[in-house]
Amino acid sequence: MKVNIFIWAIVGGLSVLGCQKNNQEQLDKDAKLMATLECEARQLKEERFKIANDIRFMEDSLMKYHISLTPSQSQHIDSIKTVLTMRTGKLADKITRTMDSLFVANYQTPEQRQTFDAATEKMLQEVCK
């Protein structure tokens, strides 16, 4: 009888250790996914700021000499703004959907979300070099 209890205790202990390993692997995988998306968002933000600065510089330079934008220049600027707005919206939707699905599936408690956030922040340092 004691042998059966001992064997079940060992099996139960190994099962818990296996689950913890799988949980850590899942956490690392999920954190890497979110870190990749966040890094992409940061890069897009930097790209938008650079383009906005370039547009402002061009407009300021033209205004300095009392020259207005041509219709084709205005159209080109508007198309760039539209593309950036669409990219930003799609990425924001993707991030929101990913977070929602991860929270529903794996990170339902505040403690789990804090652990996930910490793992994501740590992974962000590696992904966004």
N, C-alpha and C. Protein backbone atom coordinates (compact mmCIF):
# COMPACT_ATOMS: atom_id res chain seq x y z
N MET A 1 0.81 -1.19 0.00
CA MET A 1 0.00 0.00 0.00
C MET A 1 0.86 1.26 0.00
N LYS A 2 1.90 1.29 0.86
CA LYS A 2 2.79 2.44 0.91
C LYS A 2 3.55 2.60 -0.40
N VAL A 3 3.85 1.50 -1.06
CA VAL A 3 4.57 1.54 -2.33
C VAL A 3 3.69 2.21 -3.39
N ASN A 4 2.39 1.87 -3.42
CA ASN A 4 1.48 2.49 -4.39
C ASN A 4 1.37 4.00 -4.17
N ILE A 5 1.28 4.40 -2.92
CA ILE A 5 1.20 5.82 -2.61
C ILE A 5 2.49 6.52 -3.03
N PHE A 6 3.61 5.89 -2.76
CA PHE A 6 4.90 6.46 -3.13
C PHE A 6 5.02 6.60 -4.66
N ILE A 7 4.59 5.58 -5.39
CA ILE A 7 4.65 5.62 -6.86
C ILE A 7 3.75 6.71 -7.39
N TRP A 8 2.55 6.83 -6.83
CA TRP A 8 1.63 7.88 -7.28
C TRP A 8 2.18 9.27 -6.95
N ALA A 9 2.85 9.39 -5.84
CA ALA A 9 3.46 10.66 -5.47
C ALA A 9 4.55 11.04 -6.47
N ILE A 10 5.34 10.07 -6.87
CA ILE A 10 6.40 10.33 -7.86
C ILE A 10 5.79 10.70 -9.21
N VAL A 11 4.79 9.93 -9.64
CA VAL A 11 4.13 10.21 -10.91
C VAL A 11 3.49 11.60 -10.88
N GLY A 12 2.84 11.92 -9.78
CA GLY A 12 2.21 13.24 -9.65
C GLY A 12 3.25 14.36 -9.66
N GLY A 13 4.35 14.14 -8.98
CA GLY A 13 5.42 15.14 -8.96
C GLY A 13 6.02 15.37 -10.34
N LEU A 14 6.25 14.29 -11.06
CA LEU A 14 6.78 14.41 -12.43
C LEU A 14 5.78 15.11 -13.35
N SER A 15 4.52 14.83 -13.15
CA SER A 15 3.49 15.48 -13.97
C SER A 15 3.49 16.99 -13.74
N VAL A 16 3.59 17.38 -12.48
CA VAL A 16 3.62 18.81 -12.15
C VAL A 16 4.85 19.46 -12.76
N LEU A 17 6.00 18.81 -12.67
CA LEU A 17 7.22 19.36 -13.26
C LEU A 17 7.09 19.46 -14.78
N GLY A 18 6.49 18.46 -15.39
CA GLY A 18 6.27 18.50 -16.84
C GLY A 18 5.36 19.63 -17.25
N CYS A 19 4.30 19.85 -16.47
CA CYS A 19 3.38 20.95 -16.76
C CYS A 19 4.07 22.30 -16.60
N GLN A 20 4.90 22.43 -15.57
CA GLN A 20 5.60 23.69 -15.37
C GLN A 20 6.54 23.97 -16.53
N LYS A 21 7.21 22.93 -17.04
CA LYS A 21 8.12 23.11 -18.18
C LYS A 21 7.31 23.53 -19.41
N ASN A 22 6.18 22.85 -19.64
CA ASN A 22 5.34 23.20 -20.78
C ASN A 22 4.79 24.61 -20.62
N ASN A 23 4.40 24.98 -19.39
CA ASN A 23 3.89 26.33 -19.14
C ASN A 23 4.96 27.38 -19.42
N GLN A 24 6.20 27.10 -19.01
CA GLN A 24 7.30 28.04 -19.26
C GLN A 24 7.60 28.14 -20.75
N GLU A 25 7.56 27.02 -21.45
CA GLU A 25 7.77 27.05 -22.89
C GLU A 25 6.68 27.84 -23.59
N GLN A 26 5.44 27.67 -23.16
CA GLN A 26 4.32 28.41 -23.74
C GLN A 26 4.45 29.90 -23.43
N LEU A 27 4.83 30.22 -22.19
CA LEU A 27 5.03 31.60 -21.80
C LEU A 27 6.12 32.24 -22.66
N ASP A 28 7.23 31.55 -22.86
CA ASP A 28 8.31 32.08 -23.68
C ASP A 28 7.87 32.28 -25.13
N LYS A 29 7.12 31.33 -25.65
CA LYS A 29 6.63 31.42 -27.03
C LYS A 29 5.67 32.61 -27.17
N ASP A 30 4.74 32.74 -26.24
CA ASP A 30 3.77 33.83 -26.27
C ASP A 30 4.45 35.19 -26.09
N ALA A 31 5.41 35.24 -25.17
CA ALA A 31 6.14 36.49 -24.92
C ALA A 31 6.94 36.90 -26.15
N LYS A 32 7.52 35.94 -26.83
CA LYS A 32 8.29 36.26 -28.04
C LYS A 32 7.36 36.78 -29.14
N LEU A 33 6.17 36.20 -29.26
CA LEU A 33 5.20 36.67 -30.24
C LEU A 33 4.82 38.13 -29.96
N MET A 34 4.47 38.42 -28.71
CA MET A 34 4.07 39.78 -28.37
C MET A 34 5.24 40.75 -28.49
N ALA A 35 6.43 40.32 -28.11
CA ALA A 35 7.60 41.18 -28.23
C ALA A 35 7.89 41.50 -29.70
N THR A 36 7.70 40.53 -30.56
CA THR A 36 7.90 40.75 -31.99
C THR A 36 6.90 41.76 -32.53
N LEU A 37 5.65 41.62 -32.13
CA LEU A 37 4.63 42.56 -32.57
C LEU A 37 4.89 43.97 -32.02
N GLU A 38 5.29 44.04 -30.76
CA GLU A 38 5.57 45.35 -30.17
C GLU A 38 6.78 46.00 -30.82
N CYS A 39 7.78 45.21 -31.14
CA CYS A 39 8.96 45.73 -31.82
C CYS A 39 8.57 46.27 -33.21
N GLU A 40 7.73 45.52 -33.90
CA GLU A 40 7.24 45.97 -35.20
C GLU A 40 6.49 47.29 -35.07
N ALA A 41 5.70 47.42 -34.01
CA ALA A 41 4.95 48.66 -33.78
C ALA A 41 5.90 49.82 -33.50
N ARG A 42 6.94 49.58 -32.73
CA ARG A 42 7.91 50.64 -32.45
C ARG A 42 8.63 51.07 -33.72
N GLN A 43 8.99 50.10 -34.56
CA GLN A 43 9.66 50.43 -35.81
C GLN A 43 8.75 51.24 -36.73
N LEU A 44 7.49 50.86 -36.79
CA LEU A 44 6.53 51.60 -37.60
C LEU A 44 6.36 53.02 -37.07
N LYS A 45 6.33 53.16 -35.76
CA LYS A 45 6.21 54.49 -35.16
C LYS A 45 7.41 55.36 -35.56
N GLU A 46 8.60 54.80 -35.48
CA GLU A 46 9.79 55.55 -35.88
C GLU A 46 9.74 55.92 -37.36
N GLU A 47 9.27 55.00 -38.19
CA GLU A 47 9.14 55.26 -39.62
C GLU A 47 8.15 56.41 -39.86
N ARG A 48 7.02 56.37 -39.16
CA ARG A 48 6.02 57.44 -39.31
C ARG A 48 6.59 58.79 -38.90
N PHE A 49 7.32 58.83 -37.77
CA PHE A 49 7.92 60.09 -37.32
C PHE A 49 8.94 60.61 -38.32
N LYS A 50 9.74 59.73 -38.87
CA LYS A 50 10.74 60.15 -39.85
C LYS A 50 10.07 60.72 -41.10
N ILE A 51 9.06 60.04 -41.58
CA ILE A 51 8.35 60.53 -42.77
C ILE A 51 7.66 61.86 -42.48
N ALA A 52 7.05 61.97 -41.31
CA ALA A 52 6.39 63.24 -40.94
C ALA A 52 7.40 64.38 -40.88
N ASN A 53 8.57 64.12 -40.33
CA ASN A 53 9.61 65.14 -40.27
C ASN A 53 10.09 65.52 -41.67
N ASP A 54 10.24 64.52 -42.54
CA ASP A 54 10.64 64.79 -43.93
C ASP A 54 9.61 65.66 -44.64
N ILE A 55 8.34 65.34 -44.43
CA ILE A 55 7.27 66.12 -45.06
C ILE A 55 7.28 67.56 -44.53
N ARG A 56 7.39 67.70 -43.20
CA ARG A 56 7.44 69.05 -42.61
C ARG A 56 8.63 69.84 -43.13
N PHE A 57 9.78 69.20 -43.23
CA PHE A 57 10.97 69.88 -43.73
C PHE A 57 10.75 70.35 -45.17
N MET A 58 10.17 69.48 -46.00
CA MET A 58 9.92 69.85 -47.39
C MET A 58 8.93 71.03 -47.46
N GLU A 59 7.85 70.95 -46.69
CA GLU A 59 6.86 72.03 -46.69
C GLU A 59 7.46 73.35 -46.18
N ASP A 60 8.26 73.26 -45.10
CA ASP A 60 8.90 74.46 -44.56
C ASP A 60 9.88 75.07 -45.56
N SER A 61 10.62 74.22 -46.25
CA SER A 61 11.57 74.71 -47.26
C SER A 61 10.84 75.41 -48.39
N LEU A 62 9.73 74.84 -48.83
CA LEU A 62 8.97 75.46 -49.90
C LEU A 62 8.34 76.78 -49.44
N MET A 63 7.84 76.79 -48.20
CA MET A 63 7.21 78.01 -47.67
C MET A 63 8.24 79.14 -47.54
N LYS A 64 9.46 78.77 -47.24
CA LYS A 64 10.53 79.76 -47.08
C LYS A 64 10.69 80.58 -48.37
N TYR A 65 10.48 79.92 -49.49
CA TYR A 65 10.62 80.59 -50.79
C TYR A 65 9.26 80.91 -51.42
N HIS A 66 8.23 80.85 -50.62
CA HIS A 66 6.86 81.18 -51.05
C HIS A 66 6.42 80.32 -52.24
N ILE A 67 6.77 79.05 -52.15
CA ILE A 67 6.36 78.09 -53.18
C ILE A 67 5.40 77.11 -52.53
N SER A 68 4.29 76.86 -53.21
CA SER A 68 3.34 75.90 -52.64
C SER A 68 3.56 74.52 -53.26
N LEU A 69 3.03 73.53 -52.58
CA LEU A 69 3.13 72.16 -53.08
C LEU A 69 2.37 72.04 -54.39
N THR A 70 2.90 71.24 -55.28
CA THR A 70 2.17 70.96 -56.51
C THR A 70 1.07 69.95 -56.19
N PRO A 71 0.07 69.88 -57.04
CA PRO A 71 -0.98 68.87 -56.80
C PRO A 71 -0.44 67.44 -56.74
N SER A 72 0.56 67.14 -57.55
CA SER A 72 1.12 65.78 -57.51
C SER A 72 1.88 65.53 -56.21
N GLN A 73 2.57 66.57 -55.70
CA GLN A 73 3.25 66.42 -54.41
C GLN A 73 2.24 66.21 -53.29
N SER A 74 1.18 66.99 -53.31
CA SER A 74 0.13 66.85 -52.30
C SER A 74 -0.50 65.46 -52.37
N GLN A 75 -0.75 65.00 -53.57
CA GLN A 75 -1.34 63.67 -53.75
C GLN A 75 -0.39 62.58 -53.26
N HIS A 76 0.90 62.75 -53.54
CA HIS A 76 1.89 61.77 -53.09
C HIS A 76 1.96 61.74 -51.56
N ILE A 77 1.96 62.89 -50.94
CA ILE A 77 1.99 62.97 -49.47
C ILE A 77 0.74 62.32 -48.88
N ASP A 78 -0.41 62.62 -49.47
CA ASP A 78 -1.66 62.02 -48.99
C ASP A 78 -1.65 60.50 -49.13
N SER A 79 -1.09 59.99 -50.21
CA SER A 79 -1.05 58.54 -50.39
C SER A 79 -0.11 57.89 -49.37
N ILE A 80 1.00 58.56 -49.06
CA ILE A 80 1.91 58.05 -48.03
C ILE A 80 1.20 58.01 -46.68
N LYS A 81 0.49 59.09 -46.35
CA LYS A 81 -0.24 59.15 -45.08
C LYS A 81 -1.30 58.04 -45.01
N THR A 82 -1.98 57.81 -46.12
CA THR A 82 -3.02 56.77 -46.15
C THR A 82 -2.42 55.39 -45.92
N VAL A 83 -1.30 55.12 -46.59
CA VAL A 83 -0.64 53.82 -46.43
C VAL A 83 -0.18 53.63 -44.98
N LEU A 84 0.43 54.65 -44.42
CA LEU A 84 0.90 54.54 -43.03
C LEU A 84 -0.26 54.37 -42.06
N THR A 85 -1.35 55.06 -42.30
CA THR A 85 -2.54 54.93 -41.44
C THR A 85 -3.09 53.51 -41.52
N MET A 86 -3.16 52.96 -42.71
CA MET A 86 -3.67 51.59 -42.88
C MET A 86 -2.74 50.58 -42.21
N ARG A 87 -1.44 50.73 -42.40
CA ARG A 87 -0.48 49.81 -41.76
C ARG A 87 -0.58 49.87 -40.25
N THR A 88 -0.70 51.09 -39.72
CA THR A 88 -0.81 51.26 -38.27
C THR A 88 -2.08 50.61 -37.74
N GLY A 89 -3.19 50.83 -38.44
CA GLY A 89 -4.46 50.23 -38.02
C GLY A 89 -4.44 48.71 -38.06
N LYS A 90 -3.88 48.16 -39.12
CA LYS A 90 -3.80 46.69 -39.23
C LYS A 90 -2.93 46.10 -38.13
N LEU A 91 -1.81 46.75 -37.86
CA LEU A 91 -0.92 46.25 -36.81
C LEU A 91 -1.58 46.37 -35.44
N ALA A 92 -2.26 47.47 -35.20
CA ALA A 92 -2.96 47.65 -33.92
C ALA A 92 -4.04 46.57 -33.74
N ASP A 93 -4.79 46.30 -34.80
CA ASP A 93 -5.80 45.23 -34.74
C ASP A 93 -5.17 43.88 -34.48
N LYS A 94 -4.05 43.61 -35.15
CA LYS A 94 -3.36 42.33 -34.96
C LYS A 94 -2.87 42.18 -33.53
N ILE A 95 -2.32 43.24 -32.98
CA ILE A 95 -1.84 43.20 -31.59
C ILE A 95 -3.01 42.98 -30.64
N THR A 96 -4.10 43.69 -30.85
CA THR A 96 -5.28 43.56 -29.99
C THR A 96 -5.85 42.15 -30.06
N ARG A 97 -6.01 41.61 -31.26
CA ARG A 97 -6.55 40.24 -31.40
C ARG A 97 -5.63 39.22 -30.76
N THR A 98 -4.33 39.39 -30.94
CA THR A 98 -3.37 38.45 -30.36
C THR A 98 -3.43 38.49 -28.84
N MET A 99 -3.42 39.70 -28.28
CA MET A 99 -3.49 39.82 -26.82
C MET A 99 -4.79 39.23 -26.29
N ASP A 100 -5.89 39.54 -26.93
CA ASP A 100 -7.18 39.02 -26.48
C ASP A 100 -7.19 37.50 -26.49
N SER A 101 -6.69 36.91 -27.57
CA SER A 101 -6.70 35.44 -27.65
C SER A 101 -5.76 34.82 -26.62
N LEU A 102 -4.61 35.44 -26.39
CA LEU A 102 -3.69 34.92 -25.38
C LEU A 102 -4.28 35.05 -23.97
N PHE A 103 -4.92 36.17 -23.70
CA PHE A 103 -5.50 36.36 -22.37
C PHE A 103 -6.63 35.37 -22.12
N VAL A 104 -7.45 35.12 -23.11
CA VAL A 104 -8.55 34.17 -22.95
C VAL A 104 -8.02 32.76 -22.77
N ALA A 105 -6.99 32.41 -23.54
CA ALA A 105 -6.49 31.03 -23.53
C ALA A 105 -5.55 30.73 -22.36
N ASN A 106 -4.64 31.65 -22.05
CA ASN A 106 -3.56 31.29 -21.13
C ASN A 106 -3.36 32.22 -19.93
N TYR A 107 -3.81 33.46 -20.03
CA TYR A 107 -3.46 34.44 -19.00
C TYR A 107 -4.72 35.13 -18.49
N GLN A 108 -5.45 34.40 -17.67
CA GLN A 108 -6.75 34.88 -17.23
C GLN A 108 -6.71 35.63 -15.91
N THR A 109 -5.76 35.32 -15.06
CA THR A 109 -5.69 35.99 -13.76
C THR A 109 -4.72 37.18 -13.84
N PRO A 110 -4.87 38.13 -12.95
CA PRO A 110 -3.93 39.26 -12.94
C PRO A 110 -2.47 38.82 -12.74
N GLU A 111 -2.26 37.81 -11.93
CA GLU A 111 -0.91 37.31 -11.68
C GLU A 111 -0.31 36.73 -12.96
N GLN A 112 -1.12 35.97 -13.70
CA GLN A 112 -0.64 35.39 -14.96
C GLN A 112 -0.32 36.49 -15.96
N ARG A 113 -1.13 37.52 -15.98
CA ARG A 113 -0.89 38.63 -16.92
C ARG A 113 0.37 39.40 -16.53
N GLN A 114 0.60 39.57 -15.25
CA GLN A 114 1.83 40.25 -14.81
C GLN A 114 3.06 39.43 -15.20
N THR A 115 2.96 38.13 -15.02
CA THR A 115 4.06 37.25 -15.41
C THR A 115 4.29 37.33 -16.91
N PHE A 116 3.20 37.33 -17.66
CA PHE A 116 3.28 37.44 -19.12
C PHE A 116 3.89 38.78 -19.54
N ASP A 117 3.46 39.86 -18.91
CA ASP A 117 4.00 41.19 -19.23
C ASP A 117 5.50 41.25 -18.94
N ALA A 118 5.91 40.68 -17.81
CA ALA A 118 7.33 40.69 -17.45
C ALA A 118 8.14 39.87 -18.46
N ALA A 119 7.61 38.73 -18.85
CA ALA A 119 8.30 37.88 -19.83
C ALA A 119 8.38 38.57 -21.18
N THR A 120 7.31 39.27 -21.55
CA THR A 120 7.30 40.01 -22.82
C THR A 120 8.33 41.12 -22.79
N GLU A 121 8.40 41.85 -21.70
CA GLU A 121 9.38 42.95 -21.58
C GLU A 121 10.80 42.41 -21.66
N LYS A 122 11.04 41.29 -21.01
CA LYS A 122 12.38 40.67 -21.06
C LYS A 122 12.69 40.23 -22.49
N MET A 123 11.73 39.62 -23.16
CA MET A 123 11.93 39.15 -24.52
C MET A 123 12.10 40.33 -25.49
N LEU A 124 11.47 41.43 -25.18
CA LEU A 124 11.56 42.61 -26.03
C LEU A 124 13.00 43.09 -26.14
N GLN A 125 13.75 42.96 -25.06
CA GLN A 125 15.16 43.36 -25.07
C GLN A 125 15.96 42.52 -26.06
N GLU A 126 15.59 41.26 -26.23
CA GLU A 126 16.30 40.38 -27.15
C GLU A 126 15.84 40.58 -28.59
N VAL A 127 14.53 40.76 -28.77
CA VAL A 127 13.96 40.82 -30.12
C VAL A 127 14.24 42.15 -30.79
N CYS A 128 14.17 43.24 -30.04
CA CYS A 128 14.26 44.59 -30.61
C CYS A 128 15.65 45.19 -30.51
N LYS A 129 16.66 44.44 -30.73
CA LYS A 129 18.03 44.97 -30.63
C LYS A 129 18.33 45.96 -31.71
